PDB file of N, CA and C in Angstrom:
ATOM      1  N   MET A   1      79.455  18.731  14.063  1.00  0.00           N
ATOM      2  CA  MET A   1      78.994  17.876  12.989  1.00  0.00           C
ATOM      3  C   MET A   1      78.462  16.588  13.617  1.00  0.00           C
ATOM      4  N   SER A   2      77.374  16.082  13.076  1.00  0.00           N
ATOM      5  CA  SER A   2      76.720  14.931  13.684  1.00  0.00           C
ATOM      6  C   SER A   2      77.442  13.617  13.380  1.00  0.00           C
ATOM      7  N   PHE A   3      77.147  12.657  14.211  1.00  0.00           N
ATOM      8  CA  PHE A   3      77.686  11.305  14.071  1.00  0.00           C
ATOM      9  C   PHE A   3      77.381  10.745  12.684  1.00  0.00           C
ATOM     10  N   TYR A   4      76.178  11.007  12.187  1.00  0.00           N
ATOM     11  CA  TYR A   4      75.758  10.445  10.903  1.00  0.00           C
ATOM     12  C   TYR A   4      76.546  11.030   9.729  1.00  0.00           C
ATOM     13  N   ILE A   5      76.883  12.309   9.824  1.00  0.00           N
ATOM     14  CA  ILE A   5      77.687  12.926   8.766  1.00  0.00           C
ATOM     15  C   ILE A   5      79.065  12.276   8.725  1.00  0.00           C
ATOM     16  N   TYR A   6      79.667  12.090   9.904  1.00  0.00           N
ATOM     17  CA  TYR A   6      80.969  11.417   9.953  1.00  0.00           C
ATOM     18  C   TYR A   6      80.872  10.004   9.382  1.00  0.00           C
ATOM     19  N   LEU A   7      79.804   9.303   9.714  1.00  0.00           N
ATOM     20  CA  LEU A   7      79.608   7.938   9.225  1.00  0.00           C
ATOM     21  C   LEU A   7      79.491   7.917   7.698  1.00  0.00           C
ATOM     22  N   ILE A   8      78.718   8.830   7.150  1.00  0.00           N
ATOM     23  CA  ILE A   8      78.556   8.914   5.694  1.00  0.00           C
ATOM     24  C   ILE A   8      79.884   9.252   5.025  1.00  0.00           C
ATOM     25  N   LEU A   9      80.624  10.209   5.597  1.00  0.00           N
ATOM     26  CA  LEU A   9      81.926  10.567   5.032  1.00  0.00           C
ATOM     27  C   LEU A   9      82.896   9.395   5.088  1.00  0.00           C
ATOM     28  N   GLY A  10      82.800   8.592   6.145  1.00  0.00           N
ATOM     29  CA  GLY A  10      83.628   7.391   6.237  1.00  0.00           C
ATOM     30  C   GLY A  10      83.324   6.414   5.113  1.00  0.00           C
ATOM     31  N   PHE A  11      82.050   6.247   4.811  1.00  0.00           N
ATOM     32  CA  PHE A  11      81.664   5.373   3.701  1.00  0.00           C
ATOM     33  C   PHE A  11      82.157   5.935   2.370  1.00  0.00           C
ATOM     34  N   VAL A  12      81.935   7.227   2.162  1.00  0.00           N
ATOM     35  CA  VAL A  12      82.298   7.858   0.891  1.00  0.00           C
ATOM     36  C   VAL A  12      83.813   7.854   0.681  1.00  0.00           C
ATOM     37  N   GLY A  13      84.584   8.133   1.723  1.00  0.00           N
ATOM     38  CA  GLY A  13      86.042   8.157   1.602  1.00  0.00           C
ATOM     39  C   GLY A  13      86.682   6.793   1.664  1.00  0.00           C
ATOM     40  N   GLY A  14      86.010   5.836   2.289  1.00  0.00           N
ATOM     41  CA  GLY A  14      86.589   4.508   2.479  1.00  0.00           C
ATOM     42  C   GLY A  14      86.780   3.723   1.197  1.00  0.00           C
ATOM     43  N   ILE A  15      85.853   3.835   0.286  1.00  0.00           N
ATOM     44  CA  ILE A  15      85.944   3.061  -0.958  1.00  0.00           C
ATOM     45  C   ILE A  15      87.157   3.480  -1.792  1.00  0.00           C
ATOM     46  N   PRO A  16      87.333   4.782  -2.102  1.00  0.00           N
ATOM     47  CA  PRO A  16      88.541   5.136  -2.866  1.00  0.00           C
ATOM     48  C   PRO A  16      89.827   4.884  -2.085  1.00  0.00           C
ATOM     49  N   ALA A  17      89.772   5.026  -0.764  1.00  0.00           N
ATOM     50  CA  ALA A  17      90.973   4.747   0.038  1.00  0.00           C
ATOM     51  C   ALA A  17      91.354   3.281  -0.084  1.00  0.00           C
ATOM     52  N   GLY A  18      90.380   2.403  -0.040  1.00  0.00           N
ATOM     53  CA  GLY A  18      90.636   0.976  -0.174  1.00  0.00           C
ATOM     54  C   GLY A  18      91.169   0.602  -1.542  1.00  0.00           C
ATOM     55  N   MET A  19      90.840   1.411  -2.531  1.00  0.00           N
ATOM     56  CA  MET A  19      91.321   1.166  -3.886  1.00  0.00           C
ATOM     57  C   MET A  19      92.682   1.813  -4.125  1.00  0.00           C
ATOM     58  N   GLY A  20      93.206   2.491  -3.094  1.00  0.00           N
ATOM     59  CA  GLY A  20      94.503   3.148  -3.226  1.00  0.00           C
ATOM     60  C   GLY A  20      94.433   4.458  -3.989  1.00  0.00           C
ATOM     61  N   MET A  21      93.237   5.049  -4.042  1.00  0.00           N
ATOM     62  CA  MET A  21      93.049   6.275  -4.813  1.00  0.00           C
ATOM     63  C   MET A  21      93.089   7.527  -3.945  1.00  0.00           C
ATOM     64  N   GLY A  22      93.333   7.390  -2.674  1.00  0.00           N
ATOM     65  CA  GLY A  22      93.407   8.562  -1.805  1.00  0.00           C
ATOM     66  C   GLY A  22      92.046   9.020  -1.333  1.00  0.00           C
ATOM     67  N   GLY A  23      91.531   8.366  -0.323  1.00  0.00           N
ATOM     68  CA  GLY A  23      90.236   8.741   0.227  1.00  0.00           C
ATOM     69  C   GLY A  23      90.196  10.170   0.724  1.00  0.00           C
ATOM     70  N   GLY A  24      91.356  10.706   1.096  1.00  0.00           N
ATOM     71  CA  GLY A  24      91.422  12.082   1.576  1.00  0.00           C
ATOM     72  C   GLY A  24      91.061  13.103   0.526  1.00  0.00           C
ATOM     73  N   THR A  25      91.239  12.758  -0.747  1.00  0.00           N
ATOM     74  CA  THR A  25      90.866  13.697  -1.807  1.00  0.00           C
ATOM     75  C   THR A  25      89.359  13.918  -1.828  1.00  0.00           C
ATOM     76  N   ILE A  26      88.627  12.998  -1.244  1.00  0.00           N
ATOM     77  CA  ILE A  26      87.181  13.143  -1.124  1.00  0.00           C
ATOM     78  C   ILE A  26      86.813  13.592   0.284  1.00  0.00           C
ATOM     79  N   THR A  27      87.374  12.931   1.284  1.00  0.00           N
ATOM     80  CA  THR A  27      86.998  13.178   2.669  1.00  0.00           C
ATOM     81  C   THR A  27      87.341  14.594   3.127  1.00  0.00           C
ATOM     82  N   ILE A  28      88.538  15.074   2.822  1.00  0.00           N
ATOM     83  CA  ILE A  28      88.955  16.404   3.294  1.00  0.00           C
ATOM     84  C   ILE A  28      88.046  17.507   2.749  1.00  0.00           C
ATOM     85  N   PRO A  29      87.809  17.582   1.431  1.00  0.00           N
ATOM     86  CA  PRO A  29      86.903  18.642   0.961  1.00  0.00           C
ATOM     87  C   PRO A  29      85.493  18.528   1.538  1.00  0.00           C
ATOM     88  N   LEU A  30      84.998  17.305   1.707  1.00  0.00           N
ATOM     89  CA  LEU A  30      83.659  17.150   2.271  1.00  0.00           C
ATOM     90  C   LEU A  30      83.608  17.608   3.724  1.00  0.00           C
ATOM     91  N   LEU A  31      84.641  17.288   4.498  1.00  0.00           N
ATOM     92  CA  LEU A  31      84.682  17.752   5.886  1.00  0.00           C
ATOM     93  C   LEU A  31      84.699  19.275   5.952  1.00  0.00           C
ATOM     94  N   VAL A  32      85.473  19.895   5.067  1.00  0.00           N
ATOM     95  CA  VAL A  32      85.602  21.358   5.072  1.00  0.00           C
ATOM     96  C   VAL A  32      84.332  22.018   4.528  1.00  0.00           C
ATOM     97  N   LEU A  33      83.878  21.570   3.365  1.00  0.00           N
ATOM     98  CA  LEU A  33      82.769  22.242   2.690  1.00  0.00           C
ATOM     99  C   LEU A  33      81.406  21.915   3.289  1.00  0.00           C
ATOM    100  N   LEU A  34      81.171  20.652   3.586  1.00  0.00           N
ATOM    101  CA  LEU A  34      79.866  20.265   4.125  1.00  0.00           C
ATOM    102  C   LEU A  34      79.833  20.279   5.647  1.00  0.00           C
ATOM    103  N   GLY A  35      80.958  19.930   6.256  1.00  0.00           N
ATOM    104  CA  GLY A  35      80.987  19.838   7.711  1.00  0.00           C
ATOM    105  C   GLY A  35      81.418  21.102   8.412  1.00  0.00           C
ATOM    106  N   GLY A  36      81.954  22.069   7.654  1.00  0.00           N
ATOM    107  CA  GLY A  36      82.411  23.299   8.273  1.00  0.00           C
ATOM    108  C   GLY A  36      83.629  23.121   9.165  1.00  0.00           C
ATOM    109  N   VAL A  37      84.387  22.053   8.932  1.00  0.00           N
ATOM    110  CA  VAL A  37      85.569  21.750   9.736  1.00  0.00           C
ATOM    111  C   VAL A  37      86.748  22.554   9.197  1.00  0.00           C
ATOM    112  N   GLU A  38      87.583  23.077  10.093  1.00  0.00           N
ATOM    113  CA  GLU A  38      88.780  23.810   9.687  1.00  0.00           C
ATOM    114  C   GLU A  38      89.699  22.877   8.891  1.00  0.00           C
ATOM    115  N   GLN A  39      90.373  23.418   7.887  1.00  0.00           N
ATOM    116  CA  GLN A  39      91.227  22.629   6.994  1.00  0.00           C
ATOM    117  C   GLN A  39      92.244  21.785   7.760  1.00  0.00           C
ATOM    118  N   LYS A  40      92.920  22.379   8.735  1.00  0.00           N
ATOM    119  CA  LYS A  40      93.931  21.641   9.509  1.00  0.00           C
ATOM    120  C   LYS A  40      93.311  20.449  10.224  1.00  0.00           C
ATOM    121  N   ILE A  41      92.138  20.669  10.799  1.00  0.00           N
ATOM    122  CA  ILE A  41      91.442  19.605  11.531  1.00  0.00           C
ATOM    123  C   ILE A  41      91.005  18.509  10.564  1.00  0.00           C
ATOM    124  N   ALA A  42      90.508  18.900   9.399  1.00  0.00           N
ATOM    125  CA  ALA A  42      90.072  17.916   8.397  1.00  0.00           C
ATOM    126  C   ALA A  42      91.244  17.059   7.931  1.00  0.00           C
ATOM    127  N   GLN A  43      92.385  17.689   7.698  1.00  0.00           N
ATOM    128  CA  GLN A  43      93.556  16.933   7.252  1.00  0.00           C
ATOM    129  C   GLN A  43      94.056  15.993   8.345  1.00  0.00           C
ATOM    130  N   ALA A  44      94.041  16.456   9.592  1.00  0.00           N
ATOM    131  CA  ALA A  44      94.463  15.594  10.702  1.00  0.00           C
ATOM    132  C   ALA A  44      93.482  14.440  10.891  1.00  0.00           C
ATOM    133  N   ALA A  45      92.185  14.725  10.787  1.00  0.00           N
ATOM    134  CA  ALA A  45      91.175  13.666  10.916  1.00  0.00           C
ATOM    135  C   ALA A  45      91.347  12.628   9.819  1.00  0.00           C
ATOM    136  N   ASN A  46      91.645  13.090   8.614  1.00  0.00           N
ATOM    137  CA  ASN A  46      91.874  12.168   7.505  1.00  0.00           C
ATOM    138  C   ASN A  46      93.071  11.260   7.782  1.00  0.00           C
ATOM    139  N   LEU A  47      94.143  11.830   8.305  1.00  0.00           N
ATOM    140  CA  LEU A  47      95.321  11.014   8.632  1.00  0.00           C
ATOM    141  C   LEU A  47      94.994   9.976   9.694  1.00  0.00           C
ATOM    142  N   PHE A  48      94.224  10.391  10.692  1.00  0.00           N
ATOM    143  CA  PHE A  48      93.851   9.471  11.767  1.00  0.00           C
ATOM    144  C   PHE A  48      92.990   8.328  11.224  1.00  0.00           C
ATOM    145  N   ALA A  49      92.049   8.655  10.345  1.00  0.00           N
ATOM    146  CA  ALA A  49      91.185   7.630   9.752  1.00  0.00           C
ATOM    147  C   ALA A  49      91.948   6.763   8.764  1.00  0.00           C
ATOM    148  N   PHE A  50      93.002   7.315   8.185  1.00  0.00           N
ATOM    149  CA  PHE A  50      93.787   6.603   7.181  1.00  0.00           C
ATOM    150  C   PHE A  50      94.459   5.354   7.750  1.00  0.00           C
ATOM    151  N   LEU A  51      94.909   5.415   8.991  1.00  0.00           N
ATOM    152  CA  LEU A  51      95.630   4.272   9.573  1.00  0.00           C
ATOM    153  C   LEU A  51      94.820   2.979   9.538  1.00  0.00           C
ATOM    154  N   PRO A  52      93.631   2.938  10.124  1.00  0.00           N
ATOM    155  CA  PRO A  52      92.876   1.676  10.048  1.00  0.00           C
ATOM    156  C   PRO A  52      92.402   1.342   8.639  1.00  0.00           C
ATOM    157  N   MET A  53      92.056   2.374   7.842  1.00  0.00           N
ATOM    158  CA  MET A  53      91.618   2.104   6.464  1.00  0.00           C
ATOM    159  C   MET A  53      92.732   1.460   5.659  1.00  0.00           C
ATOM    160  N   SER A  54      93.927   2.020   5.765  1.00  0.00           N
ATOM    161  CA  SER A  54      95.029   1.496   4.958  1.00  0.00           C
ATOM    162  C   SER A  54      95.472   0.125   5.440  1.00  0.00           C
ATOM    163  N   ALA A  55      95.368  -0.129   6.738  1.00  0.00           N
ATOM    164  CA  ALA A  55      95.755  -1.450   7.253  1.00  0.00           C
ATOM    165  C   ALA A  55      94.864  -2.538   6.659  1.00  0.00           C
ATOM    166  N   GLY A  56      93.569  -2.292   6.652  1.00  0.00           N
ATOM    167  CA  GLY A  56      92.644  -3.267   6.071  1.00  0.00           C
ATOM    168  C   GLY A  56      92.841  -3.436   4.578  1.00  0.00           C
ATOM    169  N   ALA A  57      93.008  -2.326   3.877  1.00  0.00           N
ATOM    170  CA  ALA A  57      93.214  -2.383   2.425  1.00  0.00           C
ATOM    171  C   ALA A  57      94.533  -3.058   2.085  1.00  0.00           C
ATOM    172  N   LEU A  58      95.572  -2.758   2.850  1.00  0.00           N
ATOM    173  CA  LEU A  58      96.884  -3.361   2.608  1.00  0.00           C
ATOM    174  C   LEU A  58      96.824  -4.880   2.759  1.00  0.00           C
ATOM    175  N   LYS A  59      96.102  -5.333   3.768  1.00  0.00           N
ATOM    176  CA  LYS A  59      95.954  -6.783   3.981  1.00  0.00           C
ATOM    177  C   LYS A  59      95.274  -7.435   2.772  1.00  0.00           C
ATOM    178  N   MET A  60      94.224  -6.797   2.262  1.00  0.00           N
ATOM    179  CA  MET A  60      93.505  -7.357   1.115  1.00  0.00           C
ATOM    180  C   MET A  60      94.355  -7.311  -0.157  1.00  0.00           C
ATOM    181  N   HIS A  61      95.079  -6.214  -0.363  1.00  0.00           N
ATOM    182  CA  HIS A  61      95.934  -6.112  -1.551  1.00  0.00           C
ATOM    183  C   HIS A  61      97.050  -7.153  -1.506  1.00  0.00           C
ATOM    184  N   ALA A  62      97.617  -7.374  -0.324  1.00  0.00           N
ATOM    185  CA  ALA A  62      98.667  -8.393  -0.179  1.00  0.00           C
ATOM    186  C   ALA A  62      98.090  -9.780  -0.445  1.00  0.00           C
ATOM    187  N   LYS A  63      96.914 -10.041   0.098  1.00  0.00           N
ATOM    188  CA  LYS A  63      96.256 -11.338  -0.095  1.00  0.00           C
ATOM    189  C   LYS A  63      95.982 -11.605  -1.576  1.00  0.00           C
ATOM    190  N   ASN A  64      95.673 -10.556  -2.324  1.00  0.00           N
ATOM    191  CA  ASN A  64      95.369 -10.694  -3.748  1.00  0.00           C
ATOM    192  C   ASN A  64      96.599 -10.573  -4.643  1.00  0.00           C
ATOM    193  N   GLY A  65      97.787 -10.500  -4.029  1.00  0.00           N
ATOM    194  CA  GLY A  65      99.032 -10.458  -4.788  1.00  0.00           C
ATOM    195  C   GLY A  65      99.268  -9.161  -5.549  1.00  0.00           C
ATOM    196  N   LEU A  66      98.746  -8.064  -5.030  1.00  0.00           N
ATOM    197  CA  LEU A  66      98.841  -6.792  -5.739  1.00  0.00           C
ATOM    198  C   LEU A  66      99.970  -5.889  -5.246  1.00  0.00           C
ATOM    199  N   LEU A  67     100.785  -6.358  -4.321  1.00  0.00           N
ATOM    200  CA  LEU A  67     101.874  -5.525  -3.804  1.00  0.00           C
ATOM    201  C   LEU A  67     103.162  -5.781  -4.568  1.00  0.00           C
ATOM    202  N   GLU A  68     103.749  -4.726  -5.058  1.00  0.00           N
ATOM    203  CA  GLU A  68     105.050  -4.785  -5.724  1.00  0.00           C
ATOM    204  C   GLU A  68     106.092  -4.495  -4.654  1.00  0.00           C
ATOM    205  N   LYS A  69     106.656  -5.539  -4.082  1.00  0.00           N
ATOM    206  CA  LYS A  69     107.546  -5.382  -2.929  1.00  0.00           C
ATOM    207  C   LYS A  69     108.926  -4.867  -3.300  1.00  0.00           C
ATOM    208  N   LYS A  70     109.305  -4.998  -4.552  1.00  0.00           N
ATOM    209  CA  LYS A  70     110.659  -4.664  -4.975  1.00  0.00           C
ATOM    210  C   LYS A  70     111.026  -3.199  -4.707  1.00  0.00           C
ATOM    211  N   GLY A  71     110.198  -2.276  -5.069  1.00  0.00           N
ATOM    212  CA  GLY A  71     110.551  -0.864  -4.936  1.00  0.00           C
ATOM    213  C   GLY A  71     109.895  -0.138  -3.781  1.00  0.00           C
ATOM    214  N   ILE A  72     109.146  -0.875  -2.959  1.00  0.00           N
ATOM    215  CA  ILE A  72     108.375  -0.225  -1.900  1.00  0.00           C
ATOM    216  C   ILE A  72     109.241   0.509  -0.888  1.00  0.00           C
ATOM    217  N   SER A  73     110.403  -0.036  -0.537  1.00  0.00           N
ATOM    218  CA  SER A  73     111.238   0.640   0.462  1.00  0.00           C
ATOM    219  C   SER A  73     111.716   1.994  -0.056  1.00  0.00           C
ATOM    220  N   TRP A  74     111.913   2.106  -1.369  1.00  0.00           N
ATOM    221  CA  TRP A  74     112.317   3.388  -1.942  1.00  0.00           C
ATOM    222  C   TRP A  74     111.168   4.388  -1.905  1.00  0.00           C
ATOM    223  N   LEU A  75     109.963   3.915  -1.828  1.00  0.00           N
ATOM    224  CA  LEU A  75     108.802   4.784  -1.700  1.00  0.00           C
ATOM    225  C   LEU A  75     108.575   5.166  -0.240  1.00  0.00           C
ATOM    226  N   ILE A  76     108.721   4.204   0.655  1.00  0.00           N
ATOM    227  CA  ILE A  76     108.409   4.418   2.067  1.00  0.00           C
ATOM    228  C   ILE A  76     109.385   5.369   2.745  1.00  0.00           C
ATOM    229  N   ALA A  77     110.676   5.179   2.542  1.00  0.00           N
ATOM    230  CA  ALA A  77     111.681   5.969   3.270  1.00  0.00           C
ATOM    231  C   ALA A  77     111.496   7.478   3.081  1.00  0.00           C
ATOM    232  N   PRO A  78     111.475   7.988   1.853  1.00  0.00           N
ATOM    233  CA  PRO A  78     111.281   9.436   1.723  1.00  0.00           C
ATOM    234  C   PRO A  78     109.888   9.891   2.158  1.00  0.00           C
ATOM    235  N   ALA A  79     108.882   9.040   1.969  1.00  0.00           N
ATOM    236  CA  ALA A  79     107.523   9.414   2.367  1.00  0.00           C
ATOM    237  C   ALA A  79     107.425   9.613   3.878  1.00  0.00           C
ATOM    238  N   VAL A  80     108.067   8.750   4.647  1.00  0.00           N
ATOM    239  CA  VAL A  80     108.040   8.881   6.109  1.00  0.00           C
ATOM    240  C   VAL A  80     108.729  10.174   6.537  1.00  0.00           C
ATOM    241  N   VAL A  81     109.900  10.430   5.986  1.00  0.00           N
ATOM    242  CA  VAL A  81     110.651  11.641   6.349  1.00  0.00           C
ATOM    243  C   VAL A  81     109.879  12.898   5.953  1.00  0.00           C
ATOM    244  N   LEU A  82     109.402  12.940   4.721  1.00  0.00           N
ATOM    245  CA  LEU A  82     108.710  14.140   4.245  1.00  0.00           C
ATOM    246  C   LEU A  82     107.342  14.322   4.891  1.00  0.00           C
ATOM    247  N   SER A  83     106.680  13.239   5.280  1.00  0.00           N
ATOM    248  CA  SER A  83     105.408  13.396   5.989  1.00  0.00           C
ATOM    249  C   SER A  83     105.637  13.990   7.376  1.00  0.00           C
ATOM    250  N   ALA A  84     106.750  13.642   8.011  1.00  0.00           N
ATOM    251  CA  ALA A  84     107.086  14.249   9.305  1.00  0.00           C
ATOM    252  C   ALA A  84     107.342  15.743   9.131  1.00  0.00           C
ATOM    253  N   ILE A  85     108.059  16.109   8.084  1.00  0.00           N
ATOM    254  CA  ILE A  85     108.316  17.528   7.806  1.00  0.00           C
ATOM    255  C   ILE A  85     106.998  18.253   7.521  1.00  0.00           C
ATOM    256  N   GLY A  86     106.138  17.624   6.738  1.00  0.00           N
ATOM    257  CA  GLY A  86     104.834  18.216   6.431  1.00  0.00           C
ATOM    258  C   GLY A  86     103.986  18.428   7.669  1.00  0.00           C
ATOM    259  N   SER A  87     104.020  17.477   8.597  1.00  0.00           N
ATOM    260  CA  SER A  87     103.229  17.625   9.823  1.00  0.00           C
ATOM    261  C   SER A  87     103.774  18.739  10.709  1.00  0.00           C
ATOM    262  N   LEU A  88     105.066  19.031  10.605  1.00  0.00           N
ATOM    263  CA  LEU A  88     105.631  20.173  11.332  1.00  0.00           C
ATOM    264  C   LEU A  88     105.236  21.490  10.661  1.00  0.00           C
ATOM    265  N   LEU A  89     105.217  21.503   9.338  1.00  0.00           N
ATOM    266  CA  LEU A  89     104.866  22.719   8.600  1.00  0.00           C
ATOM    267  C   LEU A  89     103.409  23.125   8.788  1.00  0.00           C
ATOM    268  N   ILE A  90     102.529  22.150   8.905  1.00  0.00           N
ATOM    269  CA  ILE A  90     101.097  22.446   8.979  1.00  0.00           C
ATOM    270  C   ILE A  90     100.757  23.305  10.194  1.00  0.00           C
ATOM    271  N   VAL A  91     101.554  23.209  11.235  1.00  0.00           N
ATOM    272  CA  VAL A  91     101.323  23.998  12.444  1.00  0.00           C
ATOM    273  C   VAL A  91     101.453  25.492  12.144  1.00  0.00           C
ATOM    274  N   PHE A  92     102.351  25.842  11.239  1.00  0.00           N
ATOM    275  CA  PHE A  92     102.645  27.243  10.966  1.00  0.00           C
ATOM    276  C   PHE A  92     101.822  27.838   9.825  1.00  0.00           C
ATOM    277  N   LEU A  93     101.190  26.998   9.031  1.00  0.00           N
ATOM    278  CA  LEU A  93     100.437  27.496   7.875  1.00  0.00           C
ATOM    279  C   LEU A  93      98.979  27.763   8.250  1.00  0.00           C
ATOM    280  N   PRO A  94      98.459  28.921   7.866  1.00  0.00           N
ATOM    281  CA  PRO A  94      97.040  29.194   8.114  1.00  0.00           C
ATOM    282  C   PRO A  94      96.155  28.248   7.294  1.00  0.00           C
ATOM    283  N   SER A  95      94.975  27.957   7.823  1.00  0.00           N
ATOM    284  CA  SER A  95      94.060  27.028   7.157  1.00  0.00           C
ATOM    285  C   SER A  95      93.663  27.491   5.765  1.00  0.00           C
ATOM    286  N   ASP A  96      93.521  28.811   5.557  1.00  0.00           N
ATOM    287  CA  ASP A  96      93.116  29.268   4.222  1.00  0.00           C
ATOM    288  C   ASP A  96      94.196  28.982   3.180  1.00  0.00           C
ATOM    289  N   ILE A  97      95.458  29.057   3.561  1.00  0.00           N
ATOM    290  CA  ILE A  97      96.543  28.712   2.634  1.00  0.00           C
ATOM    291  C   ILE A  97      96.543  27.206   2.370  1.00  0.00           C
ATOM    292  N   LEU A  98      96.312  26.414   3.406  1.00  0.00           N
ATOM    293  CA  LEU A  98      96.227  24.960   3.227  1.00  0.00           C
ATOM    294  C   LEU A  98      95.065  24.601   2.306  1.00  0.00           C
ATOM    295  N   ARG A  99      93.936  25.266   2.519  1.00  0.00           N
ATOM    296  CA  ARG A  99      92.753  24.983   1.700  1.00  0.00           C
ATOM    297  C   ARG A  99      93.027  25.319   0.235  1.00  0.00           C
ATOM    298  N   ARG A 100      93.627  26.478  -0.013  1.00  0.00           N
ATOM    299  CA  ARG A 100      93.950  26.858  -1.393  1.00  0.00           C
ATOM    300  C   ARG A 100      94.974  25.908  -2.005  1.00  0.00           C
ATOM    301  N   GLY A 101      95.986  25.565  -1.228  1.00  0.00           N
ATOM    302  CA  GLY A 101      97.005  24.630  -1.717  1.00  0.00           C
ATOM    303  C   GLY A 101      96.412  23.279  -2.050  1.00  0.00           C
ATOM    304  N   PHE A 102      95.498  22.815  -1.204  1.00  0.00           N
ATOM    305  CA  PHE A 102      94.834  21.537  -1.458  1.00  0.00           C
ATOM    306  C   PHE A 102      93.980  21.631  -2.715  1.00  0.00           C
ATOM    307  N   GLY A 103      93.310  22.763  -2.898  1.00  0.00           N
ATOM    308  CA  GLY A 103      92.515  22.972  -4.107  1.00  0.00           C
ATOM    309  C   GLY A 103      93.370  22.960  -5.363  1.00  0.00           C
ATOM    310  N   VAL A 104      94.512  23.627  -5.311  1.00  0.00           N
ATOM    311  CA  VAL A 104      95.441  23.632  -6.453  1.00  0.00           C
ATOM    312  C   VAL A 104      95.932  22.217  -6.732  1.00  0.00           C
ATOM    313  N   PHE A 105      96.258  21.477  -5.670  1.00  0.00           N
ATOM    314  CA  PHE A 105      96.692  20.087  -5.824  1.00  0.00           C
ATOM    315  C   PHE A 105      95.613  19.262  -6.519  1.00  0.00           C
ATOM    316  N   LEU A 106      94.357  19.408  -6.085  1.00  0.00           N
ATOM    317  CA  LEU A 106      93.267  18.644  -6.699  1.00  0.00           C
ATOM    318  C   LEU A 106      93.065  19.033  -8.164  1.00  0.00           C
ATOM    319  N   LEU A 107      93.174  20.328  -8.466  1.00  0.00           N
ATOM    320  CA  LEU A 107      93.053  20.767  -9.864  1.00  0.00           C
ATOM    321  C   LEU A 107      94.177  20.200 -10.721  1.00  0.00           C
ATOM    322  N   PHE A 108      95.394  20.228 -10.191  1.00  0.00           N
ATOM    323  CA  PHE A 108      96.531  19.660 -10.916  1.00  0.00           C
ATOM    324  C   PHE A 108      96.318  18.168 -11.147  1.00  0.00           C
ATOM    325  N   LEU A 109      95.906  17.467 -10.107  1.00  0.00           N
ATOM    326  CA  LEU A 109      95.686  16.025 -10.201  1.00  0.00           C
ATOM    327  C   LEU A 109      94.607  15.704 -11.234  1.00  0.00           C
ATOM    328  N   ALA A 110      93.510  16.448 -11.199  1.00  0.00           N
ATOM    329  CA  ALA A 110      92.426  16.220 -12.161  1.00  0.00           C
ATOM    330  C   ALA A 110      92.887  16.521 -13.587  1.00  0.00           C
ATOM    331  N   SER A 111      93.614  17.617 -13.766  1.00  0.00           N
ATOM    332  CA  SER A 111      94.106  17.984 -15.099  1.00  0.00           C
ATOM    333  C   SER A 111      95.078  16.945 -15.637  1.00  0.00           C
ATOM    334  N   PHE A 112      95.993  16.520 -14.798  1.00  0.00           N
ATOM    335  CA  PHE A 112      96.983  15.527 -15.199  1.00  0.00           C
ATOM    336  C   PHE A 112      96.309  14.213 -15.578  1.00  0.00           C
ATOM    337  N   THR A 113      95.354  13.778 -14.756  1.00  0.00           N
ATOM    338  CA  THR A 113      94.642  12.532 -15.025  1.00  0.00           C
ATOM    339  C   THR A 113      93.852  12.630 -16.331  1.00  0.00           C
ATOM    340  N   ALA A 114      93.169  13.747 -16.544  1.00  0.00           N
ATOM    341  CA  ALA A 114      92.404  13.929 -17.780  1.00  0.00           C
ATOM    342  C   ALA A 114      93.326  13.951 -18.993  1.00  0.00           C
ATOM    343  N   PHE A 115      94.448  14.647 -18.887  1.00  0.00           N
ATOM    344  CA  PHE A 115      95.404  14.724 -19.992  1.00  0.00           C
ATOM    345  C   PHE A 115      95.927  13.338 -20.352  1.00  0.00           C
ATOM    346  N   LYS A 116      96.340  12.558 -19.341  1.00  0.00           N
ATOM    347  CA  LYS A 116      96.866  11.212 -19.596  1.00  0.00           C
ATOM    348  C   LYS A 116      95.794  10.316 -20.215  1.00  0.00           C
ATOM    349  N   SER A 117      94.574  10.437 -19.732  1.00  0.00           N
ATOM    350  CA  SER A 117      93.481   9.631 -20.258  1.00  0.00           C
ATOM    351  C   SER A 117      93.193   9.981 -21.716  1.00  0.00           C
ATOM    352  N   LEU A 118      93.151  11.270 -22.025  1.00  0.00           N
ATOM    353  CA  LEU A 118      92.918  11.697 -23.409  1.00  0.00           C
ATOM    354  C   LEU A 118      94.055  11.267 -24.322  1.00  0.00           C
ATOM    355  N   LYS A 119      95.268  11.330 -23.816  1.00  0.00           N
ATOM    356  CA  LYS A 119      96.431  10.913 -24.601  1.00  0.00           C
ATOM    357  C   LYS A 119      96.349   9.420 -24.934  1.00  0.00           C
ATOM    358  N   ARG A 120      95.953   8.606 -23.951  1.00  0.00           N
ATOM    359  CA  ARG A 120      95.806   7.160 -24.190  1.00  0.00           C
ATOM    360  C   ARG A 120      94.714   6.881 -25.213  1.00  0.00           C
ATOM    361  N   GLU A 121      93.604   7.607 -25.099  1.00  0.00           N
ATOM    362  CA  GLU A 121      92.508   7.427 -26.051  1.00  0.00           C
ATOM    363  C   GLU A 121      92.953   7.797 -27.462  1.00  0.00           C
ATOM    364  N   LYS A 122      93.700   8.884 -27.573  1.00  0.00           N
ATOM    365  CA  LYS A 122      94.191   9.323 -28.878  1.00  0.00           C
ATOM    366  C   LYS A 122      95.128   8.278 -29.474  1.00  0.00           C
ATOM    367  N   GLU A 123      95.996   7.692 -28.645  1.00  0.00           N
ATOM    368  CA  GLU A 123      96.939   6.669 -29.115  1.00  0.00           C
ATOM    369  C   GLU A 123      96.216   5.409 -29.582  1.00  0.00           C
ATOM    370  N   LYS A 124      95.062   5.113 -28.987  1.00  0.00           N
ATOM    371  CA  LYS A 124      94.275   3.951 -29.402  1.00  0.00           C
ATOM    372  C   LYS A 124      93.784   4.098 -30.838  1.00  0.00           C
ATOM    373  N   PHE A 125      93.390   5.320 -31.183  1.00  0.00           N
ATOM    374  CA  PHE A 125      92.777   5.556 -32.484  1.00  0.00           C
ATOM    375  C   PHE A 125      93.777   5.921 -33.571  1.00  0.00           C
ATOM    376  N   CYS A 126      95.012   6.161 -33.216  1.00  0.00           N
ATOM    377  CA  CYS A 126      96.023   6.542 -34.221  1.00  0.00           C
ATOM    378  C   CYS A 126      96.855   5.364 -34.647  1.00  0.00           C
TER     379      CYS A 126
END
């Protein structure tokens, strides 16, 4: 895959990542579908790119007073442990299963978001 494709994907994934919306939900499918990158490689590349992206975004969110520090440790502790377990599991899972699982996750996320949005709209009018 060319340098320019990676650069474009960085731009496309960087904006939602900076907003805390999960740039990987965009970057991973684009790497796999447009770049022909294996699912495992795309997910690892996303994690690698996530570190500098999240550091910059975290600094800006903190500067703007958007961090809720009270419950963050309860979020971080299990996330660190389970992400380590997930990184061990990925070695044993074939890419096609990861790709399907990621697709199911995205469908669930989209359905859940649409349902919540429609529910809020309905509550506005009732």
